[in-house]
Amino acid sequence: MHTWGIAALLLLVTWLVLAGIPGSPVKGLNRVILGVGCIVTVLGFFLLAQGPADNPLSRTWAAIFLVLGYCAIIPLALLRRQSDNSKPTNNSKAKA
C-alpha cells in the first residue's frame, strides 16, 4: 500500500473515532470541517507520492496541502466552539 493509502486509512479511523465519541468536540459543522481537513491531508499525501522528487506536485503542492490540512483545517475543527442552541431543561418545580 502506498504512503497516501496508509494516511487515508489512519485519517479515516481518526475521523470515525473523534466523530463517534460521546461528548467529543467534533459535532455538527465541526464534523464536516474535520472531514474536509482529512480529505485535504490525504490529497497532500497523494500528491507527495507522485513522480520524481523534483516534480512540482511533489515539491510544492503537496507541502501546501499537508500544512493546510494539518495546521489549519483539522485544528479549526477541533478548537472551534459549538453554538449551543439547546438550552438545558430544568423540570424540577420550586416548592411553594
C-alpha atoms as a PDB file:
ATOM      1  CA  MET A   1       0.000   0.000   0.000  1.00  0.00           C
ATOM      2  CA  HIS A   2       1.303   3.464  -0.841  1.00  0.00           C
ATOM      3  CA  THR A   3       2.012   6.155   1.720  1.00  0.00           C
ATOM      4  CA  TRP A   4      -1.118   8.086   0.811  1.00  0.00           C
ATOM      5  CA  GLY A   5      -3.232   4.946   1.242  1.00  0.00           C
ATOM      6  CA  ILE A   6      -1.923   4.415   4.756  1.00  0.00           C
ATOM      7  CA  ALA A   7      -2.501   8.101   5.533  1.00  0.00           C
ATOM      8  CA  ALA A   8      -6.048   7.853   4.198  1.00  0.00           C
ATOM      9  CA  LEU A   9      -6.757   4.827   6.374  1.00  0.00           C
ATOM     10  CA  LEU A  10      -5.339   6.470   9.509  1.00  0.00           C
ATOM     11  CA  LEU A  11      -7.249   9.704   8.929  1.00  0.00           C
ATOM     12  CA  LEU A  12     -10.474   7.790   8.290  1.00  0.00           C
ATOM     13  CA  VAL A  13     -10.073   5.905  11.562  1.00  0.00           C
ATOM     14  CA  THR A  14      -9.249   9.189  13.350  1.00  0.00           C
ATOM     15  CA  TRP A  15     -12.347  10.853  11.921  1.00  0.00           C
ATOM     16  CA  LEU A  16     -14.572   7.927  12.873  1.00  0.00           C
ATOM     17  CA  VAL A  17     -13.234   7.801  16.427  1.00  0.00           C
ATOM     18  CA  LEU A  18     -13.430  11.564  17.022  1.00  0.00           C
ATOM     19  CA  ALA A  19     -16.859  11.858  15.465  1.00  0.00           C
ATOM     20  CA  GLY A  20     -18.272   8.889  17.352  1.00  0.00           C
ATOM     21  CA  ILE A  21     -17.166   9.533  20.927  1.00  0.00           C
ATOM     22  CA  PRO A  22     -19.952  10.938  23.105  1.00  0.00           C
ATOM     23  CA  GLY A  23     -19.000  14.380  24.368  1.00  0.00           C
ATOM     24  CA  SER A  24     -16.334  14.816  21.701  1.00  0.00           C
ATOM     25  CA  PRO A  25     -15.569  18.290  20.329  1.00  0.00           C
ATOM     26  CA  VAL A  26     -16.486  17.118  16.843  1.00  0.00           C
ATOM     27  CA  LYS A  27     -20.209  17.608  16.284  1.00  0.00           C
ATOM     28  CA  GLY A  28     -22.318  19.168  13.559  1.00  0.00           C
ATOM     29  CA  LEU A  29     -20.355  21.556  11.374  1.00  0.00           C
ATOM     30  CA  ASN A  30     -17.092  20.607  13.103  1.00  0.00           C
ATOM     31  CA  ARG A  31     -17.533  17.067  11.800  1.00  0.00           C
ATOM     32  CA  VAL A  32     -17.775  18.412   8.236  1.00  0.00           C
ATOM     33  CA  ILE A  33     -14.715  20.632   8.739  1.00  0.00           C
ATOM     34  CA  LEU A  34     -12.744  17.679  10.119  1.00  0.00           C
ATOM     35  CA  GLY A  35     -13.763  15.577   7.120  1.00  0.00           C
ATOM     36  CA  VAL A  36     -12.592  18.314   4.730  1.00  0.00           C
ATOM     37  CA  GLY A  37      -9.308  18.528   6.635  1.00  0.00           C
ATOM     38  CA  CYS A  38      -8.822  14.774   6.313  1.00  0.00           C
ATOM     39  CA  ILE A  39      -9.551  14.912   2.572  1.00  0.00           C
ATOM     40  CA  VAL A  40      -7.085  17.800   2.071  1.00  0.00           C
ATOM     41  CA  THR A  41      -4.421  15.911   4.034  1.00  0.00           C
ATOM     42  CA  VAL A  42      -4.943  12.698   2.051  1.00  0.00           C
ATOM     43  CA  LEU A  43      -4.737  14.727  -1.161  1.00  0.00           C
ATOM     44  CA  GLY A  44      -1.416  16.131   0.095  1.00  0.00           C
ATOM     45  CA  PHE A  45      -0.055  12.634   0.700  1.00  0.00           C
ATOM     46  CA  PHE A  46      -1.314  11.544  -2.736  1.00  0.00           C
ATOM     47  CA  LEU A  47       0.474  14.469  -4.394  1.00  0.00           C
ATOM     48  CA  LEU A  48       3.601  13.689  -2.380  1.00  0.00           C
ATOM     49  CA  ALA A  49       3.659  10.176  -3.851  1.00  0.00           C
ATOM     50  CA  GLN A  50       3.559  11.434  -7.461  1.00  0.00           C
ATOM     51  CA  GLY A  51       6.575  11.265  -9.727  1.00  0.00           C
ATOM     52  CA  PRO A  52      10.192  12.159  -9.004  1.00  0.00           C
ATOM     53  CA  ALA A  53      11.313  14.372  -6.152  1.00  0.00           C
ATOM     54  CA  ASP A  54      11.701  17.451  -8.375  1.00  0.00           C
ATOM     55  CA  ASN A  55       8.113  17.226  -9.601  1.00  0.00           C
ATOM     56  CA  PRO A  56       6.211  20.466  -8.784  1.00  0.00           C
ATOM     57  CA  LEU A  57       3.288  18.420  -7.465  1.00  0.00           C
ATOM     58  CA  SER A  58       5.504  16.556  -5.023  1.00  0.00           C
ATOM     59  CA  ARG A  59       7.615  19.511  -4.091  1.00  0.00           C
ATOM     60  CA  THR A  60       5.233  22.437  -3.740  1.00  0.00           C
ATOM     61  CA  TRP A  61       1.562  21.495  -3.850  1.00  0.00           C
ATOM     62  CA  ALA A  62       1.911  18.503  -1.545  1.00  0.00           C
ATOM     63  CA  ALA A  63       3.540  20.649   1.120  1.00  0.00           C
ATOM     64  CA  ILE A  64       0.834  23.308   0.782  1.00  0.00           C
ATOM     65  CA  PHE A  65      -1.980  20.770   1.140  1.00  0.00           C
ATOM     66  CA  LEU A  66      -0.321  18.980   4.068  1.00  0.00           C
ATOM     67  CA  VAL A  67       0.343  22.176   6.010  1.00  0.00           C
ATOM     68  CA  LEU A  68      -3.145  23.473   5.240  1.00  0.00           C
ATOM     69  CA  GLY A  69      -4.737  20.208   6.386  1.00  0.00           C
ATOM     70  CA  TYR A  70      -2.639  19.538   9.479  1.00  0.00           C
ATOM     71  CA  CYS A  71      -2.034  23.092  10.692  1.00  0.00           C
ATOM     72  CA  ALA A  72      -5.208  24.939   9.721  1.00  0.00           C
ATOM     73  CA  ILE A  73      -8.290  22.867   8.927  1.00  0.00           C
ATOM     74  CA  ILE A  74      -8.033  19.978  11.408  1.00  0.00           C
ATOM     75  CA  PRO A  75      -7.167  22.247  14.391  1.00  0.00           C
ATOM     76  CA  LEU A  76     -10.027  24.541  13.356  1.00  0.00           C
ATOM     77  CA  ALA A  77     -12.425  21.603  13.561  1.00  0.00           C
ATOM     78  CA  LEU A  78     -11.115  20.564  16.971  1.00  0.00           C
ATOM     79  CA  LEU A  79     -10.917  24.035  18.522  1.00  0.00           C
ATOM     80  CA  ARG A  80     -13.974  25.726  17.001  1.00  0.00           C
ATOM     81  CA  ARG A  81     -16.625  26.453  19.596  1.00  0.00           C
ATOM     82  CA  GLN A  82     -20.056  24.974  19.012  1.00  0.00           C
ATOM     83  CA  SER A  83     -23.078  27.191  19.232  1.00  0.00           C
ATOM     84  CA  ASP A  84     -25.265  25.716  21.925  1.00  0.00           C
ATOM     85  CA  ASN A  85     -28.805  26.111  20.596  1.00  0.00           C
ATOM     86  CA  SER A  86     -30.310  23.699  23.062  1.00  0.00           C
ATOM     87  CA  LYS A  87     -30.937  25.155  26.498  1.00  0.00           C
ATOM     88  CA  PRO A  88     -30.786  22.805  29.459  1.00  0.00           C
ATOM     89  CA  THR A  89     -34.212  21.921  30.682  1.00  0.00           C
ATOM     90  CA  ASN A  90     -34.918  22.126  34.382  1.00  0.00           C
ATOM     91  CA  ASN A  91     -38.026  20.103  35.107  1.00  0.00           C
ATOM     92  CA  SER A  92     -37.864  20.449  38.861  1.00  0.00           C
ATOM     93  CA  LYS A  93     -40.576  22.776  40.141  1.00  0.00           C
ATOM     94  CA  ALA A  94     -39.994  25.067  43.064  1.00  0.00           C
ATOM     95  CA  LYS A  95     -41.938  24.043  46.122  1.00  0.00           C
ATOM     96  CA  ALA A  96     -44.198  26.757  47.466  1.00  0.00           C
END
